[in-house]
């Protein structure tokens, strides 16, 4: 299991490897989640040839740190930068970056950095904190969101995507904040897999 050093300690990430992957998807989980929660998502992506990498953010899973102090957005972005370096260590092609909840906020900030090369960006359960942030220009972007999300109400992401027409918004009825762990997970995973393969072409 891969580890790397950050300014806040040793961080862990997990990879569900695929022989000759068609694409790589790097995932930043939300608050209180870790890479071990995403084995079903990895299994759903495998038939499409998509290799999933997932980070244990500081204080979560097998990473060092305080679980009650996730860090500032700058600290989270720095950790994610180190994670992406590991994902790309033996693979020259840029990955697609995905973030859930707080991970989505981190991903939006990171994608706007000129030094970070990505094939695309996926946001899941995106909080209202992104409302005033414009997406990175020319970067393919998918937003997946549950219509019944109470932690991050869908109205905010609807307005955001209406202002930024480059964003592809997929809405899921009878689904809440944690789409990849709800009954709708199979449809969400299939939509993500199809979108990722299009983004890396």
Protein backbone atom coordinates (compact mmCIF):
# COMPACT_ATOMS: atom_id res chain seq x y z
CA UNK A 1 0.00 0.00 0.00
CA UNK A 2 1.57 3.32 -1.06
CA UNK A 3 2.55 6.04 1.38
CA UNK A 4 4.07 9.45 0.82
CA UNK A 5 5.34 12.22 3.08
CA UNK A 6 3.53 15.53 3.42
CA UNK A 7 4.16 18.56 5.62
CA UNK A 8 1.52 17.18 7.99
CA UNK A 9 2.89 13.65 8.26
CA UNK A 10 2.89 10.38 6.37
CA UNK A 11 -0.18 9.91 4.18
CA UNK A 12 -1.60 6.70 2.77
CA UNK A 13 -3.39 6.03 -0.48
CA UNK A 14 -4.77 2.92 -2.11
CA UNK A 15 -4.68 1.71 -5.71
CA UNK A 16 -6.90 -0.92 -7.30
CA UNK A 17 -4.56 -1.73 -10.18
CA UNK A 18 -5.72 -2.66 -13.66
CA UNK A 19 -3.58 -4.25 -16.37
CA UNK A 20 -2.98 -1.71 -19.14
CA UNK A 21 -5.51 0.78 -17.79
CA UNK A 22 -7.49 2.88 -20.24
CA UNK A 23 -7.61 5.68 -17.65
CA UNK A 24 -6.69 6.52 -14.08
CA UNK A 25 -9.10 8.16 -11.66
CA UNK A 26 -7.67 9.84 -8.53
CA UNK A 27 -10.23 10.28 -5.74
CA UNK A 28 -10.24 12.76 -2.84
CA UNK A 29 -12.78 11.53 -0.24
CA UNK A 30 -14.97 13.73 1.91
CA UNK A 31 -14.73 14.39 5.64
CA UNK A 32 -14.64 11.23 7.75
CA UNK A 33 -14.12 8.89 4.80
CA UNK A 34 -11.05 7.02 3.63
CA UNK A 35 -9.85 4.94 0.69
CA UNK A 36 -11.14 1.65 2.11
CA UNK A 37 -14.72 2.82 1.60
CA UNK A 38 -14.34 2.76 -2.19
CA UNK A 39 -13.67 -0.90 -3.02
CA UNK A 40 -17.12 -1.31 -4.62
CA UNK A 41 -16.54 1.78 -6.76
CA UNK A 42 -13.17 0.37 -7.86
CA UNK A 43 -14.85 -2.93 -8.79
CA UNK A 44 -17.46 -1.07 -10.84
CA UNK A 45 -14.76 0.82 -12.76
CA UNK A 46 -12.55 -2.20 -13.45
CA UNK A 47 -14.57 -3.65 -16.40
CA UNK A 48 -14.10 -0.32 -18.20
CA UNK A 49 -10.34 -0.54 -17.65
CA UNK A 50 -10.28 2.38 -15.21
CA UNK A 51 -7.72 2.21 -12.40
CA UNK A 52 -8.87 3.86 -9.18
CA UNK A 53 -6.55 5.59 -6.73
CA UNK A 54 -7.97 6.98 -3.48
CA UNK A 55 -6.33 9.13 -0.80
CA UNK A 56 -6.62 8.79 2.95
CA UNK A 57 -6.68 12.47 3.87
CA UNK A 58 -4.79 13.62 6.96
CA UNK A 59 -6.15 11.91 10.07
CA UNK A 60 -8.28 9.41 8.13
CA UNK A 61 -7.74 5.74 7.32
CA UNK A 62 -4.06 4.81 7.59
CA UNK A 63 -2.77 8.39 7.30
CA UNK A 64 -1.15 10.26 10.15
CA UNK A 65 -2.84 13.38 11.51
CA UNK A 66 -5.71 14.59 13.65
CA UNK A 67 -9.09 13.24 12.47
CA UNK A 68 -10.82 16.26 14.02
CA UNK A 69 -8.65 18.76 12.11
CA UNK A 70 -8.84 18.10 8.35
CA UNK A 71 -6.79 21.23 7.62
CA UNK A 72 -7.10 24.41 5.61
CA UNK A 73 -7.88 24.31 1.91
CA UNK A 74 -4.23 25.16 1.18
CA UNK A 75 -3.06 22.22 3.32
CA UNK A 76 -5.57 19.87 1.70
CA UNK A 77 -4.49 21.02 -1.76
CA UNK A 78 -0.82 20.48 -0.89
CA UNK A 79 -1.59 16.93 0.28
CA UNK A 80 -3.58 16.28 -2.90
CA UNK A 81 -0.67 17.56 -5.00
CA UNK A 82 1.60 14.98 -3.38
CA UNK A 83 -1.01 12.30 -4.00
CA UNK A 84 -1.23 13.17 -7.70
CA UNK A 85 2.56 13.04 -8.00
CA UNK A 86 2.42 9.47 -6.70
CA UNK A 87 -0.41 8.55 -9.09
CA UNK A 88 1.65 9.85 -12.01
CA UNK A 89 5.02 8.48 -10.85
CA UNK A 90 5.11 5.68 -13.42
CA UNK A 91 2.38 6.95 -15.74
CA UNK A 92 2.97 10.00 -17.95
CA UNK A 93 -0.67 10.53 -18.90
CA UNK A 94 -2.62 12.88 -16.61
CA UNK A 95 -5.38 11.32 -14.49
CA UNK A 96 -8.96 12.42 -14.02
CA UNK A 97 -9.38 13.95 -10.55
CA UNK A 98 -12.55 13.34 -8.53
CA UNK A 99 -13.56 14.88 -5.22
CA UNK A 100 -16.46 14.12 -2.90
CA UNK A 101 -17.83 16.84 -0.58
CA UNK A 102 -14.79 18.54 1.02
CA UNK A 103 -12.71 16.61 -1.50
CA UNK A 104 -14.70 18.34 -4.26
CA UNK A 105 -13.77 21.75 -2.85
CA UNK A 106 -10.12 20.70 -2.75
CA UNK A 107 -10.31 19.37 -6.30
CA UNK A 108 -11.75 22.62 -7.69
CA UNK A 109 -8.96 24.64 -6.05
CA UNK A 110 -6.28 22.24 -7.26
CA UNK A 111 -7.59 22.12 -10.83
CA UNK A 112 -7.13 25.89 -11.15
CA UNK A 113 -3.37 25.62 -10.57
CA UNK A 114 -1.45 25.84 -13.82
CA UNK A 115 1.14 23.35 -12.55
CA UNK A 116 -1.46 20.58 -12.12
CA UNK A 117 -2.18 18.64 -15.31
CA UNK A 118 -5.49 16.76 -15.38
CA UNK A 119 -7.52 14.94 -18.03
CA UNK A 120 -10.77 15.99 -16.37
CA UNK A 121 -12.51 16.81 -13.10
CA UNK A 122 -15.46 15.10 -11.37
CA UNK A 123 -17.31 16.66 -8.43
CA UNK A 124 -19.67 14.66 -6.20
CA UNK A 125 -21.86 16.11 -3.44
CA UNK A 126 -20.33 19.53 -4.03
CA UNK A 127 -20.76 21.98 -1.10
CA UNK A 128 -21.86 25.58 -1.49
CA UNK A 129 -18.24 26.68 -0.89
CA UNK A 130 -17.56 26.30 -4.62
CA UNK A 131 -20.33 28.73 -5.60
CA UNK A 132 -17.94 31.67 -6.02
CA UNK A 133 -15.16 29.69 -7.70
CA UNK A 134 -15.06 29.48 -11.49
CA UNK A 135 -14.02 26.10 -12.88
CA UNK A 136 -10.66 25.83 -14.59
CA UNK A 137 -11.02 26.99 -18.20
CA UNK A 138 -10.98 24.29 -20.92
CA UNK A 139 -11.03 21.42 -18.38
CA UNK A 140 -13.73 18.80 -18.91
CA UNK A 141 -15.91 18.77 -15.78
CA UNK A 142 -18.67 16.43 -14.57
CA UNK A 143 -20.80 17.12 -11.49
CA UNK A 144 -22.89 14.28 -10.00
CA UNK A 145 -25.39 15.20 -7.31
CA UNK A 146 -28.30 13.68 -5.41
CA UNK A 147 -31.56 15.60 -5.69
CA UNK A 148 -32.28 14.93 -2.00
CA UNK A 149 -28.82 15.94 -0.74
CA UNK A 150 -29.39 17.70 2.60
CA UNK A 151 -25.75 18.35 3.44
CA UNK A 152 -25.06 20.08 0.13
CA UNK A 153 -28.41 21.13 -1.36
CA UNK A 154 -28.55 20.71 -5.12
CA UNK A 155 -29.79 24.27 -5.81
CA UNK A 156 -26.26 25.64 -5.39
CA UNK A 157 -24.67 23.29 -7.93
CA UNK A 158 -27.58 23.88 -10.33
CA UNK A 159 -26.91 27.62 -10.28
CA UNK A 160 -23.16 27.05 -10.56
CA UNK A 161 -23.46 24.79 -13.59
CA UNK A 162 -25.94 27.18 -15.23
CA UNK A 163 -23.31 29.94 -14.99
CA UNK A 164 -20.53 27.68 -16.28
CA UNK A 165 -21.89 25.85 -19.29
CA UNK A 166 -18.78 23.69 -19.66
CA UNK A 167 -19.95 21.65 -16.65
CA UNK A 168 -21.95 18.47 -17.28
CA UNK A 169 -24.43 18.07 -14.37
CA UNK A 170 -26.03 14.67 -13.70
CA UNK A 171 -28.84 14.62 -11.14
CA UNK A 172 -30.02 11.49 -9.30
CA UNK A 173 -33.54 11.34 -7.91
CA UNK A 174 -34.13 9.71 -4.50
CA UNK A 175 -30.43 10.07 -3.68
CA UNK A 176 -28.62 12.10 -1.04
CA UNK A 177 -25.09 13.26 -0.32
CA UNK A 178 -23.07 10.06 -0.57
CA UNK A 179 -23.94 8.80 -4.06
CA UNK A 180 -21.31 6.06 -4.21
CA UNK A 181 -22.74 4.39 -1.09
CA UNK A 182 -26.44 4.64 -1.87
CA UNK A 183 -28.80 2.39 -3.89
CA UNK A 184 -28.14 4.55 -6.95
CA UNK A 185 -24.39 3.79 -6.79
CA UNK A 186 -24.38 1.41 -9.78
CA UNK A 187 -25.89 4.01 -12.12
CA UNK A 188 -23.58 6.73 -10.79
CA UNK A 189 -20.53 4.49 -11.25
CA UNK A 190 -21.57 3.61 -14.80
CA UNK A 191 -22.09 7.28 -15.68
CA UNK A 192 -18.69 8.18 -14.23
CA UNK A 193 -16.93 5.35 -16.09
CA UNK A 194 -18.46 6.38 -19.42
CA UNK A 195 -17.55 10.03 -18.83
CA UNK A 196 -13.95 9.24 -17.80
CA UNK A 197 -13.29 7.21 -20.94
CA UNK A 198 -14.58 10.10 -23.04
CA UNK A 199 -12.45 12.63 -21.13
CA UNK A 200 -9.17 10.78 -21.72
CA UNK A 201 -9.63 10.28 -25.46
